[in-house]
Amino acid sequence: MKSSSRRFSWNRYAAIVLVGLLPFLQTACTPKPWVKPYQRQHLADPIMDQGRNPVSSSYLTHVYQAREGARGAESTHGVGCGCN
């Protein structure tokens, strides 16, 4: 009987801590942008472009589409047959 009362108090303590931490955990879901407007100039730099070579990008896109078996497969998930 004594151990069950300890477990009850431990569960109660855990629930109180969880309810106390819940507001702090929800503050991570703020609608503010993580990238400030003055930081976006670095992201718009041409060196940040993944496909700097248009010929290479076109070829890799063609190969990817041929492997997936579906046109436009590079921009969406879950398309193509998936067989190798």
PDB file of N, CA and C in Angstrom:
ATOM      1  N   MET A   1       0.828  -1.187   0.000  1.00  0.00           N
ATOM      2  CA  MET A   1       0.000   0.000   0.000  1.00  0.00           C
ATOM      3  C   MET A   1       0.869   1.245   0.000  1.00  0.00           C
ATOM      4  N   LYS A   2       1.980   1.161   0.688  1.00  0.00           N
ATOM      5  CA  LYS A   2       2.848   2.319   0.779  1.00  0.00           C
ATOM      6  C   LYS A   2       3.483   2.651  -0.573  1.00  0.00           C
ATOM      7  N   SER A   3       3.839   1.622  -1.348  1.00  0.00           N
ATOM      8  CA  SER A   3       4.466   1.867  -2.649  1.00  0.00           C
ATOM      9  C   SER A   3       3.481   2.476  -3.645  1.00  0.00           C
ATOM     10  N   SER A   4       2.195   2.120  -3.545  1.00  0.00           N
ATOM     11  CA  SER A   4       1.223   2.696  -4.475  1.00  0.00           C
ATOM     12  C   SER A   4       1.011   4.183  -4.207  1.00  0.00           C
ATOM     13  N   SER A   5       1.084   4.598  -2.952  1.00  0.00           N
ATOM     14  CA  SER A   5       0.938   6.024  -2.662  1.00  0.00           C
ATOM     15  C   SER A   5       2.159   6.798  -3.154  1.00  0.00           C
ATOM     16  N   ARG A   6       3.336   6.181  -3.121  1.00  0.00           N
ATOM     17  CA  ARG A   6       4.526   6.832  -3.663  1.00  0.00           C
ATOM     18  C   ARG A   6       4.416   6.985  -5.174  1.00  0.00           C
ATOM     19  N   ARG A   7       3.912   5.955  -5.828  1.00  0.00           N
ATOM     20  CA  ARG A   7       3.771   6.027  -7.272  1.00  0.00           C
ATOM     21  C   ARG A   7       2.745   7.095  -7.655  1.00  0.00           C
ATOM     22  N   PHE A   8       1.693   7.196  -6.891  1.00  0.00           N
ATOM     23  CA  PHE A   8       0.691   8.219  -7.166  1.00  0.00           C
ATOM     24  C   PHE A   8       1.297   9.612  -7.028  1.00  0.00           C
ATOM     25  N   SER A   9       2.085   9.824  -5.997  1.00  0.00           N
ATOM     26  CA  SER A   9       2.693  11.141  -5.821  1.00  0.00           C
ATOM     27  C   SER A   9       3.730  11.402  -6.914  1.00  0.00           C
ATOM     28  N   TRP A  10       4.431  10.361  -7.371  1.00  0.00           N
ATOM     29  CA  TRP A  10       5.412  10.530  -8.445  1.00  0.00           C
ATOM     30  C   TRP A  10       4.709  10.898  -9.756  1.00  0.00           C
ATOM     31  N   ASN A  11       3.582  10.240 -10.047  1.00  0.00           N
ATOM     32  CA  ASN A  11       2.818  10.573 -11.252  1.00  0.00           C
ATOM     33  C   ASN A  11       2.258  11.991 -11.160  1.00  0.00           C
ATOM     34  N   ARG A  12       1.814  12.355  -9.992  1.00  0.00           N
ATOM     35  CA  ARG A  12       1.290  13.708  -9.803  1.00  0.00           C
ATOM     36  C   ARG A  12       2.406  14.739 -10.005  1.00  0.00           C
ATOM     37  N   TYR A  13       3.576  14.448  -9.464  1.00  0.00           N
ATOM     38  CA  TYR A  13       4.724  15.345  -9.624  1.00  0.00           C
ATOM     39  C   TYR A  13       5.107  15.471 -11.100  1.00  0.00           C
ATOM     40  N   ALA A  14       5.126  14.357 -11.816  1.00  0.00           N
ATOM     41  CA  ALA A  14       5.465  14.384 -13.240  1.00  0.00           C
ATOM     42  C   ALA A  14       4.429  15.182 -14.030  1.00  0.00           C
ATOM     43  N   ALA A  15       3.160  15.052 -13.680  1.00  0.00           N
ATOM     44  CA  ALA A  15       2.114  15.801 -14.374  1.00  0.00           C
ATOM     45  C   ALA A  15       2.242  17.295 -14.108  1.00  0.00           C
ATOM     46  N   ILE A  16       2.563  17.666 -12.892  1.00  0.00           N
ATOM     47  CA  ILE A  16       2.731  19.085 -12.561  1.00  0.00           C
ATOM     48  C   ILE A  16       3.912  19.673 -13.322  1.00  0.00           C
ATOM     49  N   VAL A  17       5.011  18.929 -13.401  1.00  0.00           N
ATOM     50  CA  VAL A  17       6.180  19.404 -14.143  1.00  0.00           C
ATOM     51  C   VAL A  17       5.849  19.535 -15.623  1.00  0.00           C
ATOM     52  N   LEU A  18       5.138  18.561 -16.168  1.00  0.00           N
ATOM     53  CA  LEU A  18       4.776  18.608 -17.584  1.00  0.00           C
ATOM     54  C   LEU A  18       3.864  19.790 -17.887  1.00  0.00           C
ATOM     55  N   VAL A  19       2.881  20.020 -17.045  1.00  0.00           N
ATOM     56  CA  VAL A  19       1.983  21.160 -17.244  1.00  0.00           C
ATOM     57  C   VAL A  19       2.745  22.468 -17.077  1.00  0.00           C
ATOM     58  N   GLY A  20       3.715  22.495 -16.185  1.00  0.00           N
ATOM     59  CA  GLY A  20       4.523  23.699 -15.998  1.00  0.00           C
ATOM     60  C   GLY A  20       5.436  23.979 -17.177  1.00  0.00           C
ATOM     61  N   LEU A  21       5.932  22.933 -17.820  1.00  0.00           N
ATOM     62  CA  LEU A  21       6.831  23.112 -18.962  1.00  0.00           C
ATOM     63  C   LEU A  21       6.096  23.329 -20.278  1.00  0.00           C
ATOM     64  N   LEU A  22       4.838  23.009 -20.336  1.00  0.00           N
ATOM     65  CA  LEU A  22       4.080  23.109 -21.581  1.00  0.00           C
ATOM     66  C   LEU A  22       4.095  24.506 -22.192  1.00  0.00           C
ATOM     67  N   PRO A  23       3.903  25.585 -21.449  1.00  0.00           N
ATOM     68  CA  PRO A  23       3.971  26.916 -22.076  1.00  0.00           C
ATOM     69  C   PRO A  23       5.348  27.228 -22.660  1.00  0.00           C
ATOM     70  N   PHE A  24       6.398  26.741 -22.015  1.00  0.00           N
ATOM     71  CA  PHE A  24       7.736  26.992 -22.538  1.00  0.00           C
ATOM     72  C   PHE A  24       7.992  26.205 -23.814  1.00  0.00           C
ATOM     73  N   LEU A  25       7.421  25.011 -23.913  1.00  0.00           N
ATOM     74  CA  LEU A  25       7.602  24.207 -25.114  1.00  0.00           C
ATOM     75  C   LEU A  25       6.809  24.775 -26.286  1.00  0.00           C
ATOM     76  N   GLN A  26       5.701  25.425 -26.017  1.00  0.00           N
ATOM     77  CA  GLN A  26       4.882  25.978 -27.087  1.00  0.00           C
ATOM     78  C   GLN A  26       5.435  27.282 -27.633  1.00  0.00           C
ATOM     79  N   THR A  27       6.362  27.905 -26.955  1.00  0.00           N
ATOM     80  CA  THR A  27       6.920  29.153 -27.464  1.00  0.00           C
ATOM     81  C   THR A  27       7.814  28.924 -28.663  1.00  0.00           C
ATOM     82  N   ALA A  28       8.193  27.691 -28.933  1.00  0.00           N
ATOM     83  CA  ALA A  28       9.006  27.400 -30.114  1.00  0.00           C
ATOM     84  C   ALA A  28       8.179  27.489 -31.392  1.00  0.00           C
ATOM     85  N   CYS A  29       6.880  27.522 -31.297  1.00  0.00           N
ATOM     86  CA  CYS A  29       6.004  27.563 -32.469  1.00  0.00           C
ATOM     87  C   CYS A  29       5.527  28.987 -32.737  1.00  0.00           C
ATOM     88  N   THR A  30       6.426  29.917 -32.758  1.00  0.00           N
ATOM     89  CA  THR A  30       6.046  31.304 -32.989  1.00  0.00           C
ATOM     90  C   THR A  30       5.962  31.578 -34.483  1.00  0.00           C
ATOM     91  N   PRO A  31       5.082  32.470 -34.904  1.00  0.00           N
ATOM     92  CA  PRO A  31       4.952  32.766 -36.334  1.00  0.00           C
ATOM     93  C   PRO A  31       6.020  33.713 -36.870  1.00  0.00           C
ATOM     94  N   LYS A  32       6.942  34.152 -36.032  1.00  0.00           N
ATOM     95  CA  LYS A  32       7.987  35.056 -36.499  1.00  0.00           C
ATOM     96  C   LYS A  32       8.920  34.321 -37.458  1.00  0.00           C
ATOM     97  N   PRO A  33       9.399  34.991 -38.498  1.00  0.00           N
ATOM     98  CA  PRO A  33      10.361  34.326 -39.387  1.00  0.00           C
ATOM     99  C   PRO A  33      11.706  34.164 -38.694  1.00  0.00           C
ATOM    100  N   TRP A  34      12.349  33.054 -38.922  1.00  0.00           N
ATOM    101  CA  TRP A  34      13.637  32.809 -38.305  1.00  0.00           C
ATOM    102  C   TRP A  34      14.725  33.600 -38.989  1.00  0.00           C
ATOM    103  N   VAL A  35      14.554  33.848 -40.284  1.00  0.00           N
ATOM    104  CA  VAL A  35      15.544  34.609 -41.036  1.00  0.00           C
ATOM    105  C   VAL A  35      15.072  36.054 -41.084  1.00  0.00           C
ATOM    106  N   LYS A  36      15.878  36.921 -40.569  1.00  0.00           N
ATOM    107  CA  LYS A  36      15.535  38.341 -40.553  1.00  0.00           C
ATOM    108  C   LYS A  36      15.661  38.919 -41.963  1.00  0.00           C
ATOM    109  N   PRO A  37      14.938  39.999 -42.257  1.00  0.00           N
ATOM    110  CA  PRO A  37      15.007  40.584 -43.599  1.00  0.00           C
ATOM    111  C   PRO A  37      16.416  41.004 -44.007  1.00  0.00           C
ATOM    112  N   TYR A  38      17.206  41.482 -43.070  1.00  0.00           N
ATOM    113  CA  TYR A  38      18.562  41.895 -43.425  1.00  0.00           C
ATOM    114  C   TYR A  38      19.493  40.695 -43.620  1.00  0.00           C
ATOM    115  N   GLN A  39      19.087  39.496 -43.201  1.00  0.00           N
ATOM    116  CA  GLN A  39      19.889  38.299 -43.420  1.00  0.00           C
ATOM    117  C   GLN A  39      19.556  37.628 -44.749  1.00  0.00           C
ATOM    118  N   ARG A  40      18.442  37.981 -45.345  1.00  0.00           N
ATOM    119  CA  ARG A  40      18.009  37.328 -46.580  1.00  0.00           C
ATOM    120  C   ARG A  40      18.864  37.703 -47.775  1.00  0.00           C
ATOM    121  N   GLN A  41      19.592  38.793 -47.682  1.00  0.00           N
ATOM    122  CA  GLN A  41      20.451  39.174 -48.795  1.00  0.00           C
ATOM    123  C   GLN A  41      21.547  38.132 -49.013  1.00  0.00           C
ATOM    124  N   HIS A  42      21.962  37.464 -47.947  1.00  0.00           N
ATOM    125  CA  HIS A  42      22.980  36.424 -48.083  1.00  0.00           C
ATOM    126  C   HIS A  42      22.399  35.171 -48.742  1.00  0.00           C
ATOM    127  N   LEU A  43      21.134  34.890 -48.493  1.00  0.00           N
ATOM    128  CA  LEU A  43      20.502  33.733 -49.113  1.00  0.00           C
ATOM    129  C   LEU A  43      20.196  33.969 -50.583  1.00  0.00           C
ATOM    130  N   ALA A  44      20.042  35.224 -50.981  1.00  0.00           N
ATOM    131  CA  ALA A  44      19.760  35.549 -52.372  1.00  0.00           C
ATOM    132  C   ALA A  44      21.029  35.657 -53.209  1.00  0.00           C
ATOM    133  N   ASP A  45      22.181  35.441 -52.607  1.00  0.00           N
ATOM    134  CA  ASP A  45      23.451  35.500 -53.327  1.00  0.00           C
ATOM    135  C   ASP A  45      23.490  34.386 -54.379  1.00  0.00           C
ATOM    136  N   PRO A  46      23.972  34.671 -55.601  1.00  0.00           N
ATOM    137  CA  PRO A  46      24.004  33.638 -56.644  1.00  0.00           C
ATOM    138  C   PRO A  46      24.835  32.410 -56.271  1.00  0.00           C
ATOM    139  N   ILE A  47      25.792  32.558 -55.391  1.00  0.00           N
ATOM    140  CA  ILE A  47      26.598  31.397 -55.011  1.00  0.00           C
ATOM    141  C   ILE A  47      25.797  30.397 -54.178  1.00  0.00           C
ATOM    142  N   MET A  48      24.678  30.834 -53.608  1.00  0.00           N
ATOM    143  CA  MET A  48      23.829  29.941 -52.825  1.00  0.00           C
ATOM    144  C   MET A  48      22.911  29.098 -53.705  1.00  0.00           C
ATOM    145  N   ASP A  49      22.883  29.354 -54.995  1.00  0.00           N
ATOM    146  CA  ASP A  49      22.037  28.603 -55.922  1.00  0.00           C
ATOM    147  C   ASP A  49      22.580  27.190 -56.064  1.00  0.00           C
ATOM    148  N   GLN A  50      21.719  26.200 -55.919  1.00  0.00           N
ATOM    149  CA  GLN A  50      22.172  24.817 -56.015  1.00  0.00           C
ATOM    150  C   GLN A  50      22.479  24.427 -57.452  1.00  0.00           C
ATOM    151  N   GLY A  51      21.753  24.984 -58.390  1.00  0.00           N
ATOM    152  CA  GLY A  51      21.950  24.624 -59.789  1.00  0.00           C
ATOM    153  C   GLY A  51      22.632  25.733 -60.553  1.00  0.00           C
ATOM    154  N   ARG A  52      23.894  25.992 -60.260  1.00  0.00           N
ATOM    155  CA  ARG A  52      24.600  27.083 -60.931  1.00  0.00           C
ATOM    156  C   ARG A  52      24.922  26.746 -62.377  1.00  0.00           C
ATOM    157  N   ASN A  53      25.073  25.466 -62.690  1.00  0.00           N
ATOM    158  CA  ASN A  53      25.369  25.065 -64.056  1.00  0.00           C
ATOM    159  C   ASN A  53      24.077  24.552 -64.689  1.00  0.00           C
ATOM    160  N   PRO A  54      23.459  25.312 -65.618  1.00  0.00           N
ATOM    161  CA  PRO A  54      22.161  24.907 -66.157  1.00  0.00           C
ATOM    162  C   PRO A  54      22.225  23.621 -66.977  1.00  0.00           C
ATOM    163  N   VAL A  55      23.342  23.356 -67.662  1.00  0.00           N
ATOM    164  CA  VAL A  55      23.453  22.129 -68.456  1.00  0.00           C
ATOM    165  C   VAL A  55      23.490  20.912 -67.531  1.00  0.00           C
ATOM    166  N   SER A  56      24.270  20.996 -66.487  1.00  0.00           N
ATOM    167  CA  SER A  56      24.355  19.897 -65.531  1.00  0.00           C
ATOM    168  C   SER A  56      23.017  19.680 -64.826  1.00  0.00           C
ATOM    169  N   SER A  57      22.349  20.751 -64.447  1.00  0.00           N
ATOM    170  CA  SER A  57      21.051  20.633 -63.776  1.00  0.00           C
ATOM    171  C   SER A  57      20.019  19.995 -64.692  1.00  0.00           C
ATOM    172  N   SER A  58      20.026  20.380 -65.965  1.00  0.00           N
ATOM    173  CA  SER A  58      19.084  19.813 -66.929  1.00  0.00           C
ATOM    174  C   SER A  58      19.323  18.317 -67.106  1.00  0.00           C
ATOM    175  N   TYR A  59      20.588  17.925 -67.200  1.00  0.00           N
ATOM    176  CA  TYR A  59      20.913  16.506 -67.367  1.00  0.00           C
ATOM    177  C   TYR A  59      20.517  15.706 -66.130  1.00  0.00           C
ATOM    178  N   LEU A  60      20.830  16.214 -64.942  1.00  0.00           N
ATOM    179  CA  LEU A  60      20.479  15.495 -63.721  1.00  0.00           C
ATOM    180  C   LEU A  60      18.965  15.375 -63.548  1.00  0.00           C
ATOM    181  N   THR A  61      18.231  16.403 -63.959  1.00  0.00           N
ATOM    182  CA  THR A  61      16.769  16.345 -63.912  1.00  0.00           C
ATOM    183  C   THR A  61      16.247  15.273 -64.858  1.00  0.00           C
ATOM    184  N   HIS A  62      16.824  15.202 -66.062  1.00  0.00           N
ATOM    185  CA  HIS A  62      16.411  14.191 -67.039  1.00  0.00           C
ATOM    186  C   HIS A  62      16.688  12.782 -66.506  1.00  0.00           C
ATOM    187  N   VAL A  63      17.865  12.572 -65.935  1.00  0.00           N
ATOM    188  CA  VAL A  63      18.216  11.253 -65.405  1.00  0.00           C
ATOM    189  C   VAL A  63      17.291  10.880 -64.251  1.00  0.00           C
ATOM    190  N   TYR A  64      16.983  11.823 -63.394  1.00  0.00           N
ATOM    191  CA  TYR A  64      16.108  11.542 -62.258  1.00  0.00           C
ATOM    192  C   TYR A  64      14.702  11.189 -62.725  1.00  0.00           C
ATOM    193  N   GLN A  65      14.209  11.913 -63.734  1.00  0.00           N
ATOM    194  CA  GLN A  65      12.879  11.616 -64.263  1.00  0.00           C
ATOM    195  C   GLN A  65      12.849  10.249 -64.914  1.00  0.00           C
ATOM    196  N   ALA A  66      13.920   9.884 -65.602  1.00  0.00           N
ATOM    197  CA  ALA A  66      13.965   8.574 -66.238  1.00  0.00           C
ATOM    198  C   ALA A  66      14.013   7.455 -65.188  1.00  0.00           C
ATOM    199  N   ARG A  67      14.714   7.676 -64.106  1.00  0.00           N
ATOM    200  CA  ARG A  67      14.800   6.662 -63.058  1.00  0.00           C
ATOM    201  C   ARG A  67      13.482   6.501 -62.321  1.00  0.00           C
ATOM    202  N   GLU A  68      12.792   7.586 -62.067  1.00  0.00           N
ATOM    203  CA  GLU A  68      11.528   7.521 -61.336  1.00  0.00           C
ATOM    204  C   GLU A  68      10.383   7.042 -62.216  1.00  0.00           C
ATOM    205  N   GLY A  69      10.499   7.229 -63.495  1.00  0.00           N
ATOM    206  CA  GLY A  69       9.438   6.796 -64.397  1.00  0.00           C
ATOM    207  C   GLY A  69       8.256   7.744 -64.421  1.00  0.00           C
ATOM    208  N   ALA A  70       8.453   8.965 -64.020  1.00  0.00           N
ATOM    209  CA  ALA A  70       7.363   9.936 -64.007  1.00  0.00           C
ATOM    210  C   ALA A  70       7.917  11.317 -64.302  1.00  0.00           C
ATOM    211  N   ARG A  71       7.205  12.058 -65.110  1.00  0.00           N
ATOM    212  CA  ARG A  71       7.644  13.409 -65.438  1.00  0.00           C
ATOM    213  C   ARG A  71       7.295  14.328 -64.272  1.00  0.00           C
ATOM    214  N   GLY A  72       8.215  15.198 -63.926  1.00  0.00           N
ATOM    215  CA  GLY A  72       7.993  16.096 -62.803  1.00  0.00           C
ATOM    216  C   GLY A  72       8.253  15.447 -61.462  1.00  0.00           C
ATOM    217  N   ALA A  73       8.999  14.350 -61.457  1.00  0.00           N
ATOM    218  CA  ALA A  73       9.215  13.603 -60.217  1.00  0.00           C
ATOM    219  C   ALA A  73      10.167  14.303 -59.266  1.00  0.00           C
ATOM    220  N   GLU A  74      10.906  15.280 -59.733  1.00  0.00           N
ATOM    221  CA  GLU A  74      11.899  15.899 -58.863  1.00  0.00           C
ATOM    222  C   GLU A  74      11.300  16.909 -57.897  1.00  0.00           C
ATOM    223  N   SER A  75      10.077  17.325 -58.106  1.00  0.00           N
ATOM    224  CA  SER A  75       9.532  18.371 -57.247  1.00  0.00           C
ATOM    225  C   SER A  75       8.501  17.868 -56.244  1.00  0.00           C
ATOM    226  N   THR A  76       8.040  16.645 -56.384  1.00  0.00           N
ATOM    227  CA  THR A  76       7.051  16.117 -55.446  1.00  0.00           C
ATOM    228  C   THR A  76       7.531  14.785 -54.895  1.00  0.00           C
ATOM    229  N   HIS A  77       6.954  14.379 -53.791  1.00  0.00           N
ATOM    230  CA  HIS A  77       7.330  13.122 -53.159  1.00  0.00           C
ATOM    231  C   HIS A  77       6.258  12.082 -53.420  1.00  0.00           C
ATOM    232  N   GLY A  78       6.677  10.844 -53.495  1.00  0.00           N
ATOM    233  CA  GLY A  78       5.727   9.751 -53.599  1.00  0.00           C
ATOM    234  C   GLY A  78       5.231   9.479 -54.999  1.00  0.00           C
ATOM    235  N   VAL A  79       5.960   9.882 -56.014  1.00  0.00           N
ATOM    236  CA  VAL A  79       5.550   9.607 -57.388  1.00  0.00           C
ATOM    237  C   VAL A  79       6.524   8.620 -58.000  1.00  0.00           C
ATOM    238  N   GLY A  80       6.117   8.002 -59.072  1.00  0.00           N
ATOM    239  CA  GLY A  80       6.960   7.016 -59.738  1.00  0.00           C
ATOM    240  C   GLY A  80       6.664   5.630 -59.207  1.00  0.00           C
ATOM    241  N   CYS A  81       7.257   4.638 -59.863  1.00  0.00           N
ATOM    242  CA  CYS A  81       6.957   3.258 -59.477  1.00  0.00           C
ATOM    243  C   CYS A  81       7.763   2.819 -58.265  1.00  0.00           C
ATOM    244  N   GLY A  82       8.963   3.358 -58.080  1.00  0.00           N
ATOM    245  CA  GLY A  82       9.776   3.006 -56.930  1.00  0.00           C
ATOM    246  C   GLY A  82      10.574   1.738 -57.102  1.00  0.00           C
ATOM    247  N   CYS A  83      10.530   1.119 -58.278  1.00  0.00           N
ATOM    248  CA  CYS A  83      11.314  -0.097 -58.493  1.00  0.00           C
ATOM    249  C   CYS A  83      12.719   0.264 -58.972  1.00  0.00           C
ATOM    250  N   ASN A  84      13.684  -0.541 -58.615  1.00  0.00           N
ATOM    251  CA  ASN A  84      15.074  -0.282 -59.007  1.00  0.00           C
ATOM    252  C   ASN A  84      15.541  -1.318 -59.987  1.00  0.00           C
TER     253      ASN A  84
END
